[in-house]
Amino acid sequence: MKIPKIVPRGKNILVKPDPDKARTSEHGISMPTSVEQDKRAIGVIIALGPEIKDLKVWDKIIYGVYSGENIKFLESGSEVDYVLLLDEWVLAVIK
């Protein structure tokens, strides 16, 4: 995967959303199929701001769908989605 040249500042995190894992993760975490489902998402951390100490690149996280700024990049002829989040919007790390 080609990573865009975005360097988050402060306590910001660049996340690659994983739409295939939105309902059930490979680790067996199943999110209910209800209205609340639309408020959570799973993604992988691509880059971290310098003030973040408790997360690392490639961590899988759960975050609020409506959190952060959605960013689209053109990579290999197709649009790829990313999300720029504050660290406080990360709900959990999937181990």
PDB file of N, CA and C in Angstrom:
ATOM      1  N   MET A   1       0.838  -1.165   0.000  1.00  0.00           N
ATOM      2  CA  MET A   1       0.000   0.000   0.000  1.00  0.00           C
ATOM      3  C   MET A   1       0.891   1.239   0.000  1.00  0.00           C
ATOM      4  N   LYS A   2       0.608   2.143  -0.908  1.00  0.00           N
ATOM      5  CA  LYS A   2       1.355   3.393  -0.974  1.00  0.00           C
ATOM      6  C   LYS A   2       0.763   4.356   0.046  1.00  0.00           C
ATOM      7  N   ILE A   3       1.588   4.843   0.952  1.00  0.00           N
ATOM      8  CA  ILE A   3       1.120   5.727   2.011  1.00  0.00           C
ATOM      9  C   ILE A   3       1.307   7.170   1.567  1.00  0.00           C
ATOM     10  N   PRO A   4       0.234   7.985   1.680  1.00  0.00           N
ATOM     11  CA  PRO A   4       0.370   9.384   1.275  1.00  0.00           C
ATOM     12  C   PRO A   4       1.350  10.118   2.181  1.00  0.00           C
ATOM     13  N   LYS A   5       1.926  11.174   1.663  1.00  0.00           N
ATOM     14  CA  LYS A   5       2.909  11.939   2.427  1.00  0.00           C
ATOM     15  C   LYS A   5       2.193  12.974   3.282  1.00  0.00           C
ATOM     16  N   ILE A   6       1.497  12.474   4.294  1.00  0.00           N
ATOM     17  CA  ILE A   6       0.826  13.338   5.264  1.00  0.00           C
ATOM     18  C   ILE A   6       1.509  13.112   6.597  1.00  0.00           C
ATOM     19  N   VAL A   7       1.935  14.182   7.232  1.00  0.00           N
ATOM     20  CA  VAL A   7       2.568  14.081   8.542  1.00  0.00           C
ATOM     21  C   VAL A   7       1.637  14.754   9.544  1.00  0.00           C
ATOM     22  N   PRO A   8       0.927  13.955  10.366  1.00  0.00           N
ATOM     23  CA  PRO A   8       0.029  14.543  11.350  1.00  0.00           C
ATOM     24  C   PRO A   8       0.801  15.386  12.371  1.00  0.00           C
ATOM     25  N   ARG A   9       0.191  16.451  12.833  1.00  0.00           N
ATOM     26  CA  ARG A   9       0.798  17.321  13.843  1.00  0.00           C
ATOM     27  C   ARG A   9       0.151  17.066  15.192  1.00  0.00           C
ATOM     28  N   GLY A  10       0.872  17.372  16.241  1.00  0.00           N
ATOM     29  CA  GLY A  10       0.326  17.298  17.596  1.00  0.00           C
ATOM     30  C   GLY A  10      -0.200  15.929  17.951  1.00  0.00           C
ATOM     31  N   LYS A  11      -1.476  15.881  18.316  1.00  0.00           N
ATOM     32  CA  LYS A  11      -2.116  14.628  18.730  1.00  0.00           C
ATOM     33  C   LYS A  11      -3.030  14.066  17.654  1.00  0.00           C
ATOM     34  N   ASN A  12      -2.682  14.298  16.394  1.00  0.00           N
ATOM     35  CA  ASN A  12      -3.486  13.792  15.282  1.00  0.00           C
ATOM     36  C   ASN A  12      -2.960  12.449  14.786  1.00  0.00           C
ATOM     37  N   ILE A  13      -3.879  11.672  14.196  1.00  0.00           N
ATOM     38  CA  ILE A  13      -3.585  10.329  13.707  1.00  0.00           C
ATOM     39  C   ILE A  13      -4.158  10.198  12.302  1.00  0.00           C
ATOM     40  N   LEU A  14      -3.395   9.626  11.372  1.00  0.00           N
ATOM     41  CA  LEU A  14      -3.898   9.312  10.035  1.00  0.00           C
ATOM     42  C   LEU A  14      -4.288   7.844  10.022  1.00  0.00           C
ATOM     43  N   VAL A  15      -5.542   7.565   9.668  1.00  0.00           N
ATOM     44  CA  VAL A  15      -6.096   6.211   9.711  1.00  0.00           C
ATOM     45  C   VAL A  15      -6.586   5.808   8.324  1.00  0.00           C
ATOM     46  N   LYS A  16      -6.316   4.558   7.963  1.00  0.00           N
ATOM     47  CA  LYS A  16      -6.874   3.959   6.751  1.00  0.00           C
ATOM     48  C   LYS A  16      -8.085   3.154   7.189  1.00  0.00           C
ATOM     49  N   PRO A  17      -9.306   3.628   6.886  1.00  0.00           N
ATOM     50  CA  PRO A  17     -10.508   2.877   7.278  1.00  0.00           C
ATOM     51  C   PRO A  17     -10.549   1.515   6.590  1.00  0.00           C
ATOM     52  N   ASP A  18     -11.104   0.553   7.279  1.00  0.00           N
ATOM     53  CA  ASP A  18     -11.240  -0.795   6.732  1.00  0.00           C
ATOM     54  C   ASP A  18     -12.733  -1.113   6.638  1.00  0.00           C
ATOM     55  N   PRO A  19     -13.376  -0.801   5.511  1.00  0.00           N
ATOM     56  CA  PRO A  19     -14.822  -0.999   5.399  1.00  0.00           C
ATOM     57  C   PRO A  19     -15.241  -2.460   5.508  1.00  0.00           C
ATOM     58  N   ASP A  20     -14.375  -3.405   5.133  1.00  0.00           N
ATOM     59  CA  ASP A  20     -14.718  -4.822   5.233  1.00  0.00           C
ATOM     60  C   ASP A  20     -14.766  -5.296   6.669  1.00  0.00           C
ATOM     61  N   LYS A  21     -14.096  -4.587   7.574  1.00  0.00           N
ATOM     62  CA  LYS A  21     -14.043  -4.999   8.970  1.00  0.00           C
ATOM     63  C   LYS A  21     -15.027  -4.213   9.829  1.00  0.00           C
ATOM     64  N   ALA A  22     -15.897  -3.429   9.213  1.00  0.00           N
ATOM     65  CA  ALA A  22     -16.798  -2.564   9.966  1.00  0.00           C
ATOM     66  C   ALA A  22     -17.797  -3.353  10.804  1.00  0.00           C
ATOM     67  N   ARG A  23     -18.176  -4.553  10.368  1.00  0.00           N
ATOM     68  CA  ARG A  23     -19.162  -5.322  11.122  1.00  0.00           C
ATOM     69  C   ARG A  23     -18.527  -6.393  12.008  1.00  0.00           C
ATOM     70  N   THR A  24     -17.514  -7.100  11.493  1.00  0.00           N
ATOM     71  CA  THR A  24     -16.840  -8.129  12.286  1.00  0.00           C
ATOM     72  C   THR A  24     -15.358  -8.092  11.961  1.00  0.00           C
ATOM     73  N   SER A  25     -14.540  -8.035  12.990  1.00  0.00           N
ATOM     74  CA  SER A  25     -13.096  -8.002  12.756  1.00  0.00           C
ATOM     75  C   SER A  25     -12.560  -9.421  12.677  1.00  0.00           C
ATOM     76  N   GLU A  26     -11.347  -9.569  12.162  1.00  0.00           N
ATOM     77  CA  GLU A  26     -10.713 -10.885  12.089  1.00  0.00           C
ATOM     78  C   GLU A  26     -10.406 -11.434  13.468  1.00  0.00           C
ATOM     79  N   HIS A  27     -10.481 -10.566  14.480  1.00  0.00           N
ATOM     80  CA  HIS A  27     -10.223 -11.001  15.851  1.00  0.00           C
ATOM     81  C   HIS A  27     -11.504 -11.418  16.555  1.00  0.00           C
ATOM     82  N   GLY A  28     -12.616 -11.444  15.811  1.00  0.00           N
ATOM     83  CA  GLY A  28     -13.866 -11.922  16.370  1.00  0.00           C
ATOM     84  C   GLY A  28     -14.708 -10.864  17.052  1.00  0.00           C
ATOM     85  N   ILE A  29     -14.335  -9.605  16.955  1.00  0.00           N
ATOM     86  CA  ILE A  29     -15.157  -8.561  17.552  1.00  0.00           C
ATOM     87  C   ILE A  29     -16.311  -8.300  16.606  1.00  0.00           C
ATOM     88  N   SER A  30     -17.515  -8.542  17.098  1.00  0.00           N
ATOM     89  CA  SER A  30     -18.698  -8.346  16.279  1.00  0.00           C
ATOM     90  C   SER A  30     -19.454  -7.136  16.794  1.00  0.00           C
ATOM     91  N   MET A  31     -19.736  -6.208  15.887  1.00  0.00           N
ATOM     92  CA  MET A  31     -20.485  -5.027  16.275  1.00  0.00           C
ATOM     93  C   MET A  31     -21.935  -5.238  15.873  1.00  0.00           C
ATOM     94  N   PRO A  32     -22.882  -4.851  16.727  1.00  0.00           N
ATOM     95  CA  PRO A  32     -24.293  -5.097  16.449  1.00  0.00           C
ATOM     96  C   PRO A  32     -24.753  -4.386  15.181  1.00  0.00           C
ATOM     97  N   THR A  33     -25.708  -5.022  14.486  1.00  0.00           N
ATOM     98  CA  THR A  33     -26.272  -4.402  13.292  1.00  0.00           C
ATOM     99  C   THR A  33     -27.483  -3.580  13.710  1.00  0.00           C
ATOM    100  N   SER A  34     -27.209  -2.435  14.275  1.00  0.00           N
ATOM    101  CA  SER A  34     -28.251  -1.527  14.732  1.00  0.00           C
ATOM    102  C   SER A  34     -27.880  -0.122  14.301  1.00  0.00           C
ATOM    103  N   VAL A  35     -28.639   0.826  14.749  1.00  0.00           N
ATOM    104  CA  VAL A  35     -28.332   2.222  14.443  1.00  0.00           C
ATOM    105  C   VAL A  35     -26.956   2.578  14.980  1.00  0.00           C
ATOM    106  N   GLU A  36     -26.574   2.026  16.122  1.00  0.00           N
ATOM    107  CA  GLU A  36     -25.269   2.310  16.714  1.00  0.00           C
ATOM    108  C   GLU A  36     -24.122   1.837  15.828  1.00  0.00           C
ATOM    109  N   GLN A  37     -24.371   0.846  14.963  1.00  0.00           N
ATOM    110  CA  GLN A  37     -23.334   0.331  14.073  1.00  0.00           C
ATOM    111  C   GLN A  37     -22.717   1.447  13.250  1.00  0.00           C
ATOM    112  N   ASP A  38     -23.539   2.391  12.831  1.00  0.00           N
ATOM    113  CA  ASP A  38     -23.060   3.471  11.974  1.00  0.00           C
ATOM    114  C   ASP A  38     -22.173   4.460  12.713  1.00  0.00           C
ATOM    115  N   LYS A  39     -22.029   4.326  14.015  1.00  0.00           N
ATOM    116  CA  LYS A  39     -21.256   5.287  14.787  1.00  0.00           C
ATOM    117  C   LYS A  39     -19.857   4.802  15.128  1.00  0.00           C
ATOM    118  N   ARG A  40     -19.482   3.590  14.681  1.00  0.00           N
ATOM    119  CA  ARG A  40     -18.153   3.054  14.955  1.00  0.00           C
ATOM    120  C   ARG A  40     -17.534   2.523  13.675  1.00  0.00           C
ATOM    121  N   ALA A  41     -16.220   2.573  13.620  1.00  0.00           N
ATOM    122  CA  ALA A  41     -15.510   2.046  12.455  1.00  0.00           C
ATOM    123  C   ALA A  41     -14.190   1.447  12.916  1.00  0.00           C
ATOM    124  N   ILE A  42     -13.630   0.594  12.089  1.00  0.00           N
ATOM    125  CA  ILE A  42     -12.335  -0.015  12.358  1.00  0.00           C
ATOM    126  C   ILE A  42     -11.367   0.457  11.280  1.00  0.00           C
ATOM    127  N   GLY A  43     -10.138   0.747  11.680  1.00  0.00           N
ATOM    128  CA  GLY A  43      -9.128   1.178  10.732  1.00  0.00           C
ATOM    129  C   GLY A  43      -7.738   0.868  11.239  1.00  0.00           C
ATOM    130  N   VAL A  44      -6.758   1.158  10.406  1.00  0.00           N
ATOM    131  CA  VAL A  44      -5.357   0.923  10.734  1.00  0.00           C
ATOM    132  C   VAL A  44      -4.640   2.269  10.770  1.00  0.00           C
ATOM    133  N   ILE A  45      -3.843   2.480  11.812  1.00  0.00           N
ATOM    134  CA  ILE A  45      -3.083   3.721  11.929  1.00  0.00           C
ATOM    135  C   ILE A  45      -1.947   3.713  10.908  1.00  0.00           C
ATOM    136  N   ILE A  46      -1.883   4.771  10.096  1.00  0.00           N
ATOM    137  CA  ILE A  46      -0.863   4.905   9.055  1.00  0.00           C
ATOM    138  C   ILE A  46       0.259   5.843   9.501  1.00  0.00           C
ATOM    139  N   ALA A  47      -0.103   6.901  10.244  1.00  0.00           N
ATOM    140  CA  ALA A  47       0.895   7.867  10.713  1.00  0.00           C
ATOM    141  C   ALA A  47       0.387   8.519  11.998  1.00  0.00           C
ATOM    142  N   LEU A  48       1.336   8.929  12.856  1.00  0.00           N
ATOM    143  CA  LEU A  48       1.013   9.532  14.147  1.00  0.00           C
ATOM    144  C   LEU A  48       1.691  10.884  14.304  1.00  0.00           C
ATOM    145  N   GLY A  49       1.011  11.778  15.020  1.00  0.00           N
ATOM    146  CA  GLY A  49       1.633  13.041  15.391  1.00  0.00           C
ATOM    147  C   GLY A  49       2.679  12.811  16.472  1.00  0.00           C
ATOM    148  N   PRO A  50       3.604  13.739  16.664  1.00  0.00           N
ATOM    149  CA  PRO A  50       4.717  13.557  17.599  1.00  0.00           C
ATOM    150  C   PRO A  50       4.326  13.509  19.071  1.00  0.00           C
ATOM    151  N   GLU A  51       3.135  13.973  19.422  1.00  0.00           N
ATOM    152  CA  GLU A  51       2.724  13.992  20.827  1.00  0.00           C
ATOM    153  C   GLU A  51       2.049  12.697  21.281  1.00  0.00           C
ATOM    154  N   ILE A  52       1.883  11.724  20.403  1.00  0.00           N
ATOM    155  CA  ILE A  52       1.186  10.485  20.755  1.00  0.00           C
ATOM    156  C   ILE A  52       2.197   9.434  21.178  1.00  0.00           C
ATOM    157  N   LYS A  53       2.023   8.924  22.394  1.00  0.00           N
ATOM    158  CA  LYS A  53       2.980   7.956  22.955  1.00  0.00           C
ATOM    159  C   LYS A  53       2.384   6.564  23.156  1.00  0.00           C
ATOM    160  N   ASP A  54       1.045   6.444  23.279  1.00  0.00           N
ATOM    161  CA  ASP A  54       0.450   5.154  23.639  1.00  0.00           C
ATOM    162  C   ASP A  54      -0.100   4.360  22.451  1.00  0.00           C
ATOM    163  N   LEU A  55       0.029   4.871  21.226  1.00  0.00           N
ATOM    164  CA  LEU A  55      -0.384   4.163  20.022  1.00  0.00           C
ATOM    165  C   LEU A  55       0.821   4.041  19.103  1.00  0.00           C
ATOM    166  N   LYS A  56       0.715   3.122  18.120  1.00  0.00           N
ATOM    167  CA  LYS A  56       1.816   3.001  17.171  1.00  0.00           C
ATOM    168  C   LYS A  56       1.258   2.740  15.767  1.00  0.00           C
ATOM    169  N   VAL A  57       2.083   3.002  14.773  1.00  0.00           N
ATOM    170  CA  VAL A  57       1.710   2.761  13.387  1.00  0.00           C
ATOM    171  C   VAL A  57       1.399   1.275  13.212  1.00  0.00           C
ATOM    172  N   TRP A  58       0.375   0.974  12.454  1.00  0.00           N
ATOM    173  CA  TRP A  58      -0.165  -0.357  12.130  1.00  0.00           C
ATOM    174  C   TRP A  58      -1.068  -0.922  13.223  1.00  0.00           C
ATOM    175  N   ASP A  59      -1.298  -0.185  14.329  1.00  0.00           N
ATOM    176  CA  ASP A  59      -2.312  -0.613  15.298  1.00  0.00           C
ATOM    177  C   ASP A  59      -3.676  -0.579  14.622  1.00  0.00           C
ATOM    178  N   LYS A  60      -4.508  -1.596  14.904  1.00  0.00           N
ATOM    179  CA  LYS A  60      -5.900  -1.576  14.456  1.00  0.00           C
ATOM    180  C   LYS A  60      -6.717  -0.929  15.560  1.00  0.00           C
ATOM    181  N   ILE A  61      -7.572   0.016  15.177  1.00  0.00           N
ATOM    182  CA  ILE A  61      -8.331   0.758  16.177  1.00  0.00           C
ATOM    183  C   ILE A  61      -9.817   0.785  15.829  1.00  0.00           C
ATOM    184  N   ILE A  62     -10.617   1.062  16.863  1.00  0.00           N
ATOM    185  CA  ILE A  62     -12.033   1.344  16.705  1.00  0.00           C
ATOM    186  C   ILE A  62     -12.200   2.824  17.016  1.00  0.00           C
ATOM    187  N   TYR A  63     -12.908   3.531  16.140  1.00  0.00           N
ATOM    188  CA  TYR A  63     -13.116   4.973  16.328  1.00  0.00           C
ATOM    189  C   TYR A  63     -14.521   5.336  15.867  1.00  0.00           C
ATOM    190  N   GLY A  64     -14.981   6.505  16.237  1.00  0.00           N
ATOM    191  CA  GLY A  64     -16.302   6.965  15.825  1.00  0.00           C
ATOM    192  C   GLY A  64     -16.311   7.331  14.348  1.00  0.00           C
ATOM    193  N   VAL A  65     -17.328   6.866  13.628  1.00  0.00           N
ATOM    194  CA  VAL A  65     -17.429   7.122  12.197  1.00  0.00           C
ATOM    195  C   VAL A  65     -17.494   8.619  11.902  1.00  0.00           C
ATOM    196  N   TYR A  66     -18.165   9.367  12.749  1.00  0.00           N
ATOM    197  CA  TYR A  66     -18.338  10.793  12.497  1.00  0.00           C
ATOM    198  C   TYR A  66     -17.199  11.620  13.077  1.00  0.00           C
ATOM    199  N   SER A  67     -16.166  10.969  13.577  1.00  0.00           N
ATOM    200  CA  SER A  67     -14.998  11.649  14.129  1.00  0.00           C
ATOM    201  C   SER A  67     -14.018  11.968  13.015  1.00  0.00           C
ATOM    202  N   GLY A  68     -13.323  13.071  13.149  1.00  0.00           N
ATOM    203  CA  GLY A  68     -12.221  13.386  12.250  1.00  0.00           C
ATOM    204  C   GLY A  68     -12.630  13.966  10.914  1.00  0.00           C
ATOM    205  N   GLU A  69     -11.622  14.090  10.067  1.00  0.00           N
ATOM    206  CA  GLU A  69     -11.779  14.646   8.722  1.00  0.00           C
ATOM    207  C   GLU A  69     -11.521  13.554   7.696  1.00  0.00           C
ATOM    208  N   ASN A  70     -12.481  13.325   6.814  1.00  0.00           N
ATOM    209  CA  ASN A  70     -12.292  12.355   5.729  1.00  0.00           C
ATOM    210  C   ASN A  70     -11.447  12.985   4.634  1.00  0.00           C
ATOM    211  N   ILE A  71     -10.470  12.225   4.152  1.00  0.00           N
ATOM    212  CA  ILE A  71      -9.545  12.693   3.123  1.00  0.00           C
ATOM    213  C   ILE A  71      -9.515  11.641   2.022  1.00  0.00           C
ATOM    214  N   LYS A  72      -9.563  12.077   0.768  1.00  0.00           N
ATOM    215  CA  LYS A  72      -9.474  11.153  -0.367  1.00  0.00           C
ATOM    216  C   LYS A  72      -8.203  11.460  -1.154  1.00  0.00           C
ATOM    217  N   PHE A  73      -7.494  10.393  -1.547  1.00  0.00           N
ATOM    218  CA  PHE A  73      -6.293  10.525  -2.376  1.00  0.00           C
ATOM    219  C   PHE A  73      -6.459   9.682  -3.617  1.00  0.00           C
ATOM    220  N   LEU A  74      -5.912  10.148  -4.708  1.00  0.00           N
ATOM    221  CA  LEU A  74      -5.905   9.379  -5.934  1.00  0.00           C
ATOM    222  C   LEU A  74      -4.628   8.544  -5.959  1.00  0.00           C
ATOM    223  N   GLU A  75      -4.787   7.219  -5.885  1.00  0.00           N
ATOM    224  CA  GLU A  75      -3.656   6.294  -5.886  1.00  0.00           C
ATOM    225  C   GLU A  75      -3.887   5.225  -6.932  1.00  0.00           C
ATOM    226  N   SER A  76      -2.970   5.085  -7.856  1.00  0.00           N
ATOM    227  CA  SER A  76      -3.050   4.075  -8.920  1.00  0.00           C
ATOM    228  C   SER A  76      -4.372   4.165  -9.676  1.00  0.00           C
ATOM    229  N   GLY A  77      -4.845   5.378  -9.912  1.00  0.00           N
ATOM    230  CA  GLY A  77      -6.049   5.578 -10.705  1.00  0.00           C
ATOM    231  C   GLY A  77      -7.364   5.450  -9.964  1.00  0.00           C
ATOM    232  N   SER A  78      -7.334   5.175  -8.653  1.00  0.00           N
ATOM    233  CA  SER A  78      -8.585   5.090  -7.900  1.00  0.00           C
ATOM    234  C   SER A  78      -8.472   5.892  -6.611  1.00  0.00           C
ATOM    235  N   GLU A  79      -9.629   6.338  -6.124  1.00  0.00           N
ATOM    236  CA  GLU A  79      -9.641   7.111  -4.888  1.00  0.00           C
ATOM    237  C   GLU A  79      -9.508   6.192  -3.675  1.00  0.00           C
ATOM    238  N   VAL A  80      -8.681   6.604  -2.723  1.00  0.00           N
ATOM    239  CA  VAL A  80      -8.482   5.861  -1.482  1.00  0.00           C
ATOM    240  C   VAL A  80      -8.846   6.788  -0.330  1.00  0.00           C
ATOM    241  N   ASP A  81      -9.608   6.260   0.628  1.00  0.00           N
ATOM    242  CA  ASP A  81     -10.066   7.055   1.767  1.00  0.00           C
ATOM    243  C   ASP A  81      -9.109   6.956   2.942  1.00  0.00           C
ATOM    244  N   TYR A  82      -8.935   8.072   3.633  1.00  0.00           N
ATOM    245  CA  TYR A  82      -8.205   8.148   4.891  1.00  0.00           C
ATOM    246  C   TYR A  82      -9.004   9.024   5.829  1.00  0.00           C
ATOM    247  N   VAL A  83      -8.720   8.915   7.116  1.00  0.00           N
ATOM    248  CA  VAL A  83      -9.360   9.762   8.125  1.00  0.00           C
ATOM    249  C   VAL A  83      -8.269  10.346   8.998  1.00  0.00           C
ATOM    250  N   LEU A  84      -8.360  11.636   9.271  1.00  0.00           N
ATOM    251  CA  LEU A  84      -7.443  12.313  10.177  1.00  0.00           C
ATOM    252  C   LEU A  84      -8.193  12.547  11.483  1.00  0.00           C
ATOM    253  N   LEU A  85      -7.731  11.887  12.563  1.00  0.00           N
ATOM    254  CA  LEU A  85      -8.415  11.901  13.864  1.00  0.00           C
ATOM    255  C   LEU A  85      -7.546  12.518  14.945  1.00  0.00           C
ATOM    256  N   LEU A  86      -8.189  13.027  15.975  1.00  0.00           N
ATOM    257  CA  LEU A  86      -7.485  13.339  17.221  1.00  0.00           C
ATOM    258  C   LEU A  86      -7.347  12.050  18.006  1.00  0.00           C
ATOM    259  N   ASP A  87      -6.291  11.892  18.782  1.00  0.00           N
ATOM    260  CA  ASP A  87      -6.099  10.641  19.528  1.00  0.00           C
ATOM    261  C   ASP A  87      -7.225  10.357  20.506  1.00  0.00           C
ATOM    262  N   GLU A  88      -7.878  11.381  21.027  1.00  0.00           N
ATOM    263  CA  GLU A  88      -8.962  11.170  21.989  1.00  0.00           C
ATOM    264  C   GLU A  88     -10.206  10.559  21.351  1.00  0.00           C
ATOM    265  N   TRP A  89     -10.286  10.520  20.013  1.00  0.00           N
ATOM    266  CA  TRP A  89     -11.427   9.923  19.324  1.00  0.00           C
ATOM    267  C   TRP A  89     -11.228   8.435  19.084  1.00  0.00           C
ATOM    268  N   VAL A  90     -10.068   7.904  19.455  1.00  0.00           N
ATOM    269  CA  VAL A  90      -9.843   6.452  19.357  1.00  0.00           C
ATOM    270  C   VAL A  90     -10.538   5.810  20.555  1.00  0.00           C
ATOM    271  N   LEU A  91     -11.491   4.910  20.268  1.00  0.00           N
ATOM    272  CA  LEU A  91     -12.269   4.261  21.325  1.00  0.00           C
ATOM    273  C   LEU A  91     -11.544   3.054  21.908  1.00  0.00           C
ATOM    274  N   ALA A  92     -10.809   2.310  21.053  1.00  0.00           N
ATOM    275  CA  ALA A  92     -10.136   1.098  21.516  1.00  0.00           C
ATOM    276  C   ALA A  92      -9.081   0.669  20.504  1.00  0.00           C
ATOM    277  N   VAL A  93      -8.105  -0.111  20.996  1.00  0.00           N
ATOM    278  CA  VAL A  93      -7.105  -0.738  20.142  1.00  0.00           C
ATOM    279  C   VAL A  93      -7.439  -2.221  20.100  1.00  0.00           C
ATOM    280  N   ILE A  94      -7.440  -2.811  18.901  1.00  0.00           N
ATOM    281  CA  ILE A  94      -7.697  -4.240  18.754  1.00  0.00           C
ATOM    282  C   ILE A  94      -6.370  -4.961  18.801  1.00  0.00           C
ATOM    283  N   LYS A  95      -6.207  -5.841  19.771  1.00  0.00           N
ATOM    284  CA  LYS A  95      -4.952  -6.607  19.939  1.00  0.00           C
ATOM    285  C   LYS A  95      -5.057  -7.950  19.266  1.00  0.00           C
TER     286      LYS A  95
END
